């Protein structure tokens, strides 16, 4: 009798383990059937926006591990997911919805969904329910701050807490660390996480030191973390000897630099001296990014190698950068043409239900990159952002 019970329990455990492993694989396989078959840009934009809106309510968990077997063990060990990773997934989805409403109007349903999302992140006093401990949280604060009808006075305690958290990550060189445990390193990711927030916060509350910090973070990376002639970033650099760390040309690394730069530039008022400084970098980086774009319109996970796999997250973020850089006359034609190619590529990797596929998974460490390419809410959100600006451009050109 006892052996029968043990055998039954063992069988149940095996079934659960197999189900946890096989269900995601089966879902991915079936989702890719007839991928990329969209008859019009408008249909595609509507489809990806619907998924982005759905995911804002319940954002898929992005796993830390690359394991596809015995996932349950990773879950039990706490190695499956991290809240900091979810912050930039949620931020991108909210930014996508904001861009949608900016171009199509902020309807009651969108307001309800965003209000519900904000209520899940902030309490009635406008404070974080769980104050971010890492700089990843600043991009979520930025996304909330730029929502069209956000009550800034209500949420100022959260914005102030985010600024305080960034200050706690300031290093001896006057720039911001990625993690306190890595005080000698400066990551390219940090530019995307903090610089747009710093600009918006600095402008709203008359804190010029915040804007100065955003500009310094970008300029220091230009000096220390860019491959000089190609003008593409390495993953990180060490402040003690300025040694580059990780890969030059990591696709999403270009994306982090791109969104931090372009959103900071966009938020600054015309004529502002900081905007003029950043504009020179935008022009130079636009040319560098276009030079790395592949024939089909994508950027690969290693942008300097045409043999490497395409990365939708790099393509979505660089597409966003270029469609905004196109406002600058000096690179307007170059940037707009490249952004259009990026849109066309993203259409080919969109599943039937509107999910953008083939984004690189989460990075494990400096120089240790994921070899899984699947869905990523971050890529979905930036695809929605880019798509609505592009659709508005198409509608203007047809008049």
Protein backbone atom coordinates (compact mmCIF):
# COMPACT_ATOMS: atom_id res chain seq x y z
CA UNK A 1 0.00 0.00 0.00
CA UNK A 2 2.73 2.45 1.00
CA UNK A 3 4.63 1.77 -2.23
CA UNK A 4 1.50 2.45 -4.25
CA UNK A 5 1.05 5.83 -2.54
CA UNK A 6 4.72 6.74 -3.12
CA UNK A 7 4.46 5.71 -6.77
CA UNK A 8 1.29 7.79 -7.21
CA UNK A 9 2.89 10.84 -5.59
CA UNK A 10 5.99 10.43 -7.75
CA UNK A 11 3.84 10.18 -10.88
CA UNK A 12 1.94 13.36 -9.92
CA UNK A 13 5.22 15.25 -9.39
CA UNK A 14 6.52 14.05 -12.77
CA UNK A 15 3.31 15.17 -14.48
CA UNK A 16 3.50 18.61 -12.84
CA UNK A 17 7.18 19.05 -13.78
CA UNK A 18 6.51 18.01 -17.38
CA UNK A 19 3.49 20.28 -17.62
CA UNK A 20 5.44 23.29 -16.32
CA UNK A 21 8.14 22.60 -18.92
CA UNK A 22 6.01 21.58 -21.90
CA UNK A 23 3.10 24.05 -21.76
CA UNK A 24 5.28 27.13 -22.57
CA UNK A 25 7.02 25.21 -25.37
CA UNK A 26 3.69 24.14 -26.86
CA UNK A 27 2.28 27.66 -26.55
CA UNK A 28 5.29 29.13 -28.33
CA UNK A 29 5.17 26.53 -31.11
CA UNK A 30 1.48 27.01 -31.83
CA UNK A 31 1.78 30.80 -31.57
CA UNK A 32 4.35 30.88 -34.36
CA UNK A 33 2.10 29.14 -36.88
CA UNK A 34 1.33 31.65 -39.69
CA UNK A 35 3.45 34.30 -38.01
CA UNK A 36 3.83 37.70 -39.68
CA UNK A 37 0.79 37.59 -41.97
CA UNK A 38 -0.66 41.09 -41.77
CA UNK A 39 -2.43 42.67 -44.71
CA UNK A 40 -2.02 46.28 -43.60
CA UNK A 41 -0.06 48.44 -41.21
CA UNK A 42 -3.29 49.58 -39.55
CA UNK A 43 -4.33 45.99 -38.84
CA UNK A 44 -0.91 45.24 -37.38
CA UNK A 45 -0.89 48.35 -35.16
CA UNK A 46 -4.35 47.49 -33.84
CA UNK A 47 -3.27 43.92 -33.13
CA UNK A 48 -0.06 44.73 -31.22
CA UNK A 49 -1.81 47.52 -29.29
CA UNK A 50 -4.54 45.13 -28.14
CA UNK A 51 -1.92 42.76 -26.71
CA UNK A 52 -0.01 45.63 -25.09
CA UNK A 53 -3.18 46.86 -23.39
CA UNK A 54 -4.02 43.34 -22.21
CA UNK A 55 -0.54 42.84 -20.79
CA UNK A 56 -0.60 46.11 -18.85
CA UNK A 57 -3.36 44.55 -16.75
CA UNK A 58 -1.45 41.30 -16.30
CA UNK A 59 2.15 41.49 -17.45
CA UNK A 60 3.75 38.16 -18.36
CA UNK A 61 6.57 37.19 -16.02
CA UNK A 62 9.95 37.26 -17.73
CA UNK A 63 12.20 34.56 -16.41
CA UNK A 64 15.78 35.13 -15.33
CA UNK A 65 16.96 31.66 -16.24
CA UNK A 66 17.53 30.26 -19.74
CA UNK A 67 16.57 26.80 -18.55
CA UNK A 68 13.72 25.17 -20.45
CA UNK A 69 13.79 21.96 -18.39
CA UNK A 70 12.91 21.46 -14.72
CA UNK A 71 11.68 25.07 -14.56
CA UNK A 72 9.77 24.21 -11.40
CA UNK A 73 13.09 23.81 -9.57
CA UNK A 74 14.11 27.34 -10.57
CA UNK A 75 10.76 28.60 -9.28
CA UNK A 76 11.21 26.84 -5.95
CA UNK A 77 14.78 28.18 -5.61
CA UNK A 78 13.69 31.74 -6.41
CA UNK A 79 15.78 31.82 -9.59
CA UNK A 80 12.88 32.17 -12.01
CA UNK A 81 11.94 35.87 -11.88
CA UNK A 82 13.00 39.25 -10.43
CA UNK A 83 10.79 42.26 -9.68
CA UNK A 84 13.38 44.65 -11.16
CA UNK A 85 13.05 42.95 -14.55
CA UNK A 86 9.27 43.37 -14.40
CA UNK A 87 9.64 47.13 -13.83
CA UNK A 88 10.96 47.77 -17.32
CA UNK A 89 8.43 45.41 -18.86
CA UNK A 90 5.55 47.30 -17.25
CA UNK A 91 7.10 50.68 -18.03
CA UNK A 92 7.31 49.92 -21.75
CA UNK A 93 3.67 48.78 -21.87
CA UNK A 94 2.51 51.96 -20.11
CA UNK A 95 4.63 54.10 -22.44
CA UNK A 96 3.04 52.30 -25.37
CA UNK A 97 -0.46 53.04 -24.10
CA UNK A 98 0.46 56.68 -23.54
CA UNK A 99 1.65 57.01 -27.14
CA UNK A 100 -1.51 55.32 -28.39
CA UNK A 101 -3.71 57.76 -26.47
CA UNK A 102 -1.61 60.71 -27.59
CA UNK A 103 -2.46 59.90 -31.20
CA UNK A 104 -5.94 58.36 -30.94
CA UNK A 105 -7.37 60.10 -27.87
CA UNK A 106 -7.54 59.14 -24.21
CA UNK A 107 -10.84 57.28 -23.86
CA UNK A 108 -12.58 56.24 -20.65
CA UNK A 109 -11.51 52.59 -20.98
CA UNK A 110 -7.83 53.52 -21.29
CA UNK A 111 -8.09 55.79 -18.25
CA UNK A 112 -9.70 53.01 -16.21
CA UNK A 113 -6.99 50.54 -17.16
CA UNK A 114 -4.15 52.92 -16.37
CA UNK A 115 -5.81 54.07 -13.13
CA UNK A 116 -6.08 50.43 -12.11
CA UNK A 117 -2.42 49.85 -12.99
CA UNK A 118 -1.29 52.93 -11.05
CA UNK A 119 -3.37 51.84 -8.06
CA UNK A 120 -1.47 48.54 -8.07
CA UNK A 121 1.87 50.42 -7.86
CA UNK A 122 1.04 53.42 -5.65
CA UNK A 123 -1.10 53.86 -2.54
CA UNK A 124 -3.71 56.56 -1.84
CA UNK A 125 -1.00 58.89 -0.56
CA UNK A 126 0.89 58.72 -3.86
CA UNK A 127 3.68 56.59 -2.41
CA UNK A 128 5.13 53.44 -3.93
CA UNK A 129 3.49 50.32 -2.53
CA UNK A 130 6.91 48.70 -2.89
CA UNK A 131 9.61 51.33 -3.29
CA UNK A 132 12.10 50.26 -6.00
CA UNK A 133 15.54 49.47 -4.61
CA UNK A 134 17.29 49.45 -7.96
CA UNK A 135 17.59 51.96 -10.80
CA UNK A 136 15.35 49.79 -13.01
CA UNK A 137 12.43 51.34 -11.13
CA UNK A 138 13.13 54.82 -12.50
CA UNK A 139 11.87 53.93 -15.97
CA UNK A 140 8.57 52.83 -14.43
CA UNK A 141 8.35 56.16 -12.59
CA UNK A 142 9.07 57.94 -15.90
CA UNK A 143 6.31 56.01 -17.64
CA UNK A 144 3.84 56.93 -14.89
CA UNK A 145 4.92 60.58 -14.95
CA UNK A 146 4.32 60.86 -18.70
CA UNK A 147 0.81 59.36 -18.64
CA UNK A 148 -1.42 62.05 -20.16
CA UNK A 149 -3.74 62.65 -17.20
CA UNK A 150 -1.50 61.74 -14.27
CA UNK A 151 -1.95 63.79 -11.09
CA UNK A 152 1.63 64.87 -10.40
CA UNK A 153 0.82 66.47 -7.06
CA UNK A 154 -0.74 63.25 -5.82
CA UNK A 155 2.19 61.07 -6.85
CA UNK A 156 5.01 63.40 -5.94
CA UNK A 157 6.02 61.29 -2.90
CA UNK A 158 6.77 58.43 -5.31
CA UNK A 159 8.70 60.70 -7.69
CA UNK A 160 10.71 62.09 -4.76
CA UNK A 161 11.45 58.57 -3.52
CA UNK A 162 12.71 57.61 -6.97
CA UNK A 163 15.06 60.60 -7.05
CA UNK A 164 16.28 59.68 -3.57
CA UNK A 165 16.93 56.09 -4.71
CA UNK A 166 18.97 57.36 -7.68
CA UNK A 167 21.00 59.60 -5.35
CA UNK A 168 21.79 56.55 -3.23
CA UNK A 169 23.35 54.98 -6.34
CA UNK A 170 25.66 57.91 -7.10
CA UNK A 171 29.28 56.83 -7.34
CA UNK A 172 32.51 58.64 -6.59
CA UNK A 173 32.79 59.76 -10.22
CA UNK A 174 29.43 61.57 -10.01
CA UNK A 175 27.55 59.08 -12.19
CA UNK A 176 24.97 56.48 -11.26
CA UNK A 177 25.73 52.82 -10.54
CA UNK A 178 23.62 49.98 -11.90
CA UNK A 179 23.85 48.16 -8.57
CA UNK A 180 25.45 49.23 -5.28
CA UNK A 181 27.33 45.93 -5.20
CA UNK A 182 29.01 46.89 -8.49
CA UNK A 183 30.21 50.37 -7.58
CA UNK A 184 33.17 50.36 -10.00
CA UNK A 185 31.07 49.53 -13.07
CA UNK A 186 28.83 51.69 -15.23
CA UNK A 187 26.26 49.86 -17.33
CA UNK A 188 24.68 51.10 -20.55
CA UNK A 189 21.30 49.89 -19.21
CA UNK A 190 21.37 52.65 -16.58
CA UNK A 191 21.10 55.35 -19.24
CA UNK A 192 17.76 53.96 -20.39
CA UNK A 193 16.55 53.47 -16.83
CA UNK A 194 17.25 56.88 -15.31
CA UNK A 195 17.91 59.66 -17.84
CA UNK A 196 14.34 60.31 -19.07
CA UNK A 197 13.04 60.31 -15.49
CA UNK A 198 15.74 62.74 -14.37
CA UNK A 199 14.86 65.19 -17.13
CA UNK A 200 11.10 65.11 -16.51
CA UNK A 201 11.52 65.31 -12.73
CA UNK A 202 14.09 68.09 -13.02
CA UNK A 203 11.88 70.18 -15.31
CA UNK A 204 8.69 69.73 -13.28
CA UNK A 205 10.21 70.50 -9.89
CA UNK A 206 12.91 72.98 -10.95
CA UNK A 207 15.79 70.69 -10.09
CA UNK A 208 18.51 71.56 -12.64
CA UNK A 209 20.90 69.15 -10.92
CA UNK A 210 18.72 66.27 -12.13
CA UNK A 211 18.99 67.37 -15.75
CA UNK A 212 22.71 67.90 -15.33
CA UNK A 213 23.06 64.36 -13.97
CA UNK A 214 21.17 62.91 -16.95
CA UNK A 215 23.42 64.75 -19.40
CA UNK A 216 26.54 63.74 -17.46
CA UNK A 217 25.51 60.07 -17.41
CA UNK A 218 25.21 60.12 -21.21
CA UNK A 219 28.34 62.15 -21.85
CA UNK A 220 30.49 60.01 -19.56
CA UNK A 221 29.32 56.94 -21.44
CA UNK A 222 30.24 58.65 -24.70
CA UNK A 223 33.76 59.19 -23.38
CA UNK A 224 34.32 55.86 -21.65
CA UNK A 225 31.93 53.28 -23.05
CA UNK A 226 31.72 53.82 -26.81
CA UNK A 227 33.78 52.22 -29.55
CA UNK A 228 35.28 55.43 -30.88
CA UNK A 229 34.82 55.31 -34.66
CA UNK A 230 31.80 52.99 -34.78
CA UNK A 231 30.14 54.89 -31.88
CA UNK A 232 28.43 51.81 -30.45
CA UNK A 233 28.40 51.08 -26.70
CA UNK A 234 29.97 48.23 -24.79
CA UNK A 235 27.86 46.56 -22.13
CA UNK A 236 29.69 48.36 -19.31
CA UNK A 237 32.98 49.96 -18.38
CA UNK A 238 35.07 50.15 -15.24
CA UNK A 239 35.51 53.64 -13.78
CA UNK A 240 38.91 52.93 -12.21
CA UNK A 241 40.74 52.21 -15.46
CA UNK A 242 38.03 52.84 -18.10
CA UNK A 243 38.35 49.26 -19.34
CA UNK A 244 35.41 48.15 -21.52
CA UNK A 245 33.44 45.17 -20.19
CA UNK A 246 31.23 42.75 -22.07
CA UNK A 247 30.37 43.03 -25.72
CA UNK A 248 30.63 46.04 -28.02
CA UNK A 249 27.50 45.98 -30.13
CA UNK A 250 25.09 44.09 -27.87
CA UNK A 251 21.78 44.84 -29.56
CA UNK A 252 19.68 45.67 -26.53
CA UNK A 253 22.64 47.64 -25.16
CA UNK A 254 22.29 49.92 -28.18
CA UNK A 255 18.59 50.05 -27.38
CA UNK A 256 19.18 51.12 -23.77
CA UNK A 257 21.49 53.90 -24.87
CA UNK A 258 19.03 54.91 -27.59
CA UNK A 259 15.91 55.23 -25.46
CA UNK A 260 17.69 57.00 -22.61
CA UNK A 261 19.14 59.49 -25.07
CA UNK A 262 16.11 60.12 -27.25
CA UNK A 263 13.53 60.35 -24.46
CA UNK A 264 15.76 62.73 -22.50
CA UNK A 265 16.19 64.83 -25.66
CA UNK A 266 12.44 64.79 -26.44
CA UNK A 267 11.46 65.92 -22.95
CA UNK A 268 13.75 68.96 -22.97
CA UNK A 269 12.22 72.20 -24.28
CA UNK A 270 13.35 73.64 -27.60
CA UNK A 271 16.25 76.02 -27.15
CA UNK A 272 17.42 74.46 -23.90
CA UNK A 273 21.20 74.22 -23.80
CA UNK A 274 21.08 70.61 -22.60
CA UNK A 275 18.88 69.72 -25.57
CA UNK A 276 21.45 71.19 -27.95
CA UNK A 277 24.18 69.13 -26.30
CA UNK A 278 22.18 65.90 -26.53
CA UNK A 279 21.11 66.62 -30.10
CA UNK A 280 24.69 66.29 -31.30
CA UNK A 281 24.81 62.84 -29.74
CA UNK A 282 21.44 61.92 -31.26
CA UNK A 283 22.73 62.79 -34.74
CA UNK A 284 25.93 60.81 -34.33
CA UNK A 285 24.22 57.79 -32.81
CA UNK A 286 21.49 57.79 -35.47
CA UNK A 287 24.14 57.37 -38.15
CA UNK A 288 25.87 54.66 -36.14
CA UNK A 289 22.62 52.75 -35.55
CA UNK A 290 21.60 52.86 -39.21
CA UNK A 291 25.01 51.54 -40.25
CA UNK A 292 24.32 48.41 -38.14
CA UNK A 293 20.79 47.78 -39.44
CA UNK A 294 20.41 44.55 -41.40
CA UNK A 295 18.87 44.19 -44.84
CA UNK A 296 15.46 43.05 -43.57
CA UNK A 297 15.23 46.06 -41.25
CA UNK A 298 16.23 44.37 -37.99
CA UNK A 299 19.12 44.73 -35.59
CA UNK A 300 20.69 41.49 -34.46
CA UNK A 301 21.50 40.64 -30.87
CA UNK A 302 25.11 41.32 -31.87
CA UNK A 303 24.64 44.22 -34.25
CA UNK A 304 28.08 43.90 -35.84
CA UNK A 305 27.51 40.29 -36.95
CA UNK A 306 24.99 39.59 -39.73
CA UNK A 307 25.20 35.89 -38.80
CA UNK A 308 23.77 36.42 -35.31
CA UNK A 309 20.07 36.14 -34.55
CA UNK A 310 17.71 39.07 -34.98
CA UNK A 311 16.44 40.67 -31.77
CA UNK A 312 13.00 42.26 -31.74
CA UNK A 313 13.71 44.19 -28.55
CA UNK A 314 16.74 45.88 -30.12
CA UNK A 315 14.72 46.56 -33.28
CA UNK A 316 11.77 48.05 -31.39
CA UNK A 317 13.89 50.36 -29.24
CA UNK A 318 16.13 51.51 -32.09
CA UNK A 319 13.04 52.01 -34.26
CA UNK A 320 11.65 54.29 -31.53
CA UNK A 321 14.91 56.18 -31.38
CA UNK A 322 15.09 56.71 -35.14
CA UNK A 323 11.48 57.70 -35.70
CA UNK A 324 12.01 60.48 -33.16
CA UNK A 325 15.51 61.37 -34.41
CA UNK A 326 13.84 61.96 -37.80
CA UNK A 327 12.59 65.28 -36.37
CA UNK A 328 16.17 66.56 -36.74
CA UNK A 329 16.63 67.85 -40.26
CA UNK A 330 20.26 66.72 -40.54
CA UNK A 331 19.32 63.03 -40.24
CA UNK A 332 15.62 63.17 -41.10
CA UNK A 333 15.62 61.15 -44.32
CA UNK A 334 18.14 58.61 -43.06
CA UNK A 335 16.36 58.03 -39.76
CA UNK A 336 12.80 57.90 -41.13
CA UNK A 337 13.73 55.37 -43.82
CA UNK A 338 15.48 53.15 -41.27
CA UNK A 339 12.52 53.39 -38.85
CA UNK A 340 10.15 52.35 -41.62
CA UNK A 341 12.32 49.30 -42.38
CA UNK A 342 12.27 48.41 -38.69
CA UNK A 343 8.46 48.58 -38.64
CA UNK A 344 8.23 46.30 -41.65
CA UNK A 345 10.54 43.80 -40.00
CA UNK A 346 8.55 43.82 -36.74
CA UNK A 347 5.42 43.04 -38.73
CA UNK A 348 7.06 39.84 -40.00
CA UNK A 349 7.77 38.59 -36.46
CA UNK A 350 4.34 39.31 -35.01
CA UNK A 351 2.19 36.33 -34.12
CA UNK A 352 -1.43 35.99 -35.25
CA UNK A 353 -2.70 37.35 -31.93
CA UNK A 354 -0.49 40.46 -32.09
CA UNK A 355 2.41 39.30 -29.91
CA UNK A 356 5.86 40.47 -31.01
CA UNK A 357 8.14 37.42 -31.04
CA UNK A 358 11.89 36.68 -31.05
CA UNK A 359 13.19 39.09 -28.42
CA UNK A 360 16.34 38.11 -26.58
CA UNK A 361 15.82 36.93 -23.01
CA UNK A 362 17.20 38.58 -19.90
CA UNK A 363 20.97 39.04 -19.64
CA UNK A 364 22.65 36.99 -16.90
CA UNK A 365 25.77 39.07 -16.31
CA UNK A 366 28.24 41.30 -18.14
CA UNK A 367 29.13 39.33 -21.25
CA UNK A 368 26.69 36.51 -20.45
CA UNK A 369 23.75 36.85 -22.83
CA UNK A 370 20.57 34.86 -23.21
CA UNK A 371 20.21 32.53 -26.16
CA UNK A 372 16.44 32.33 -25.81
CA UNK A 373 14.36 34.46 -28.19
CA UNK A 374 10.69 34.71 -27.33
CA UNK A 375 8.08 37.24 -26.20
CA UNK A 376 9.12 40.26 -24.13
CA UNK A 377 6.59 42.87 -22.93
CA UNK A 378 9.37 45.47 -23.15
CA UNK A 379 9.62 44.88 -26.91
CA UNK A 380 5.82 44.88 -27.21
CA UNK A 381 5.54 48.26 -25.52
CA UNK A 382 8.24 49.90 -27.62
CA UNK A 383 6.76 48.42 -30.78
CA UNK A 384 3.42 50.02 -29.86
CA UNK A 385 5.15 53.35 -29.15
CA UNK A 386 6.94 53.29 -32.49
CA UNK A 387 3.95 52.02 -34.45
CA UNK A 388 1.60 54.82 -33.39
CA UNK A 389 4.09 57.52 -34.31
CA UNK A 390 4.68 55.78 -37.65
CA UNK A 391 0.93 55.42 -38.29
CA UNK A 392 0.43 59.12 -37.60
CA UNK A 393 3.21 59.86 -40.10
CA UNK A 394 1.51 57.66 -42.73
CA UNK A 395 -1.85 59.33 -42.18
CA UNK A 396 -0.29 62.80 -42.62
CA UNK A 397 1.49 61.77 -45.81
CA UNK A 398 -1.78 60.43 -47.33
CA UNK A 399 -3.63 63.74 -46.96
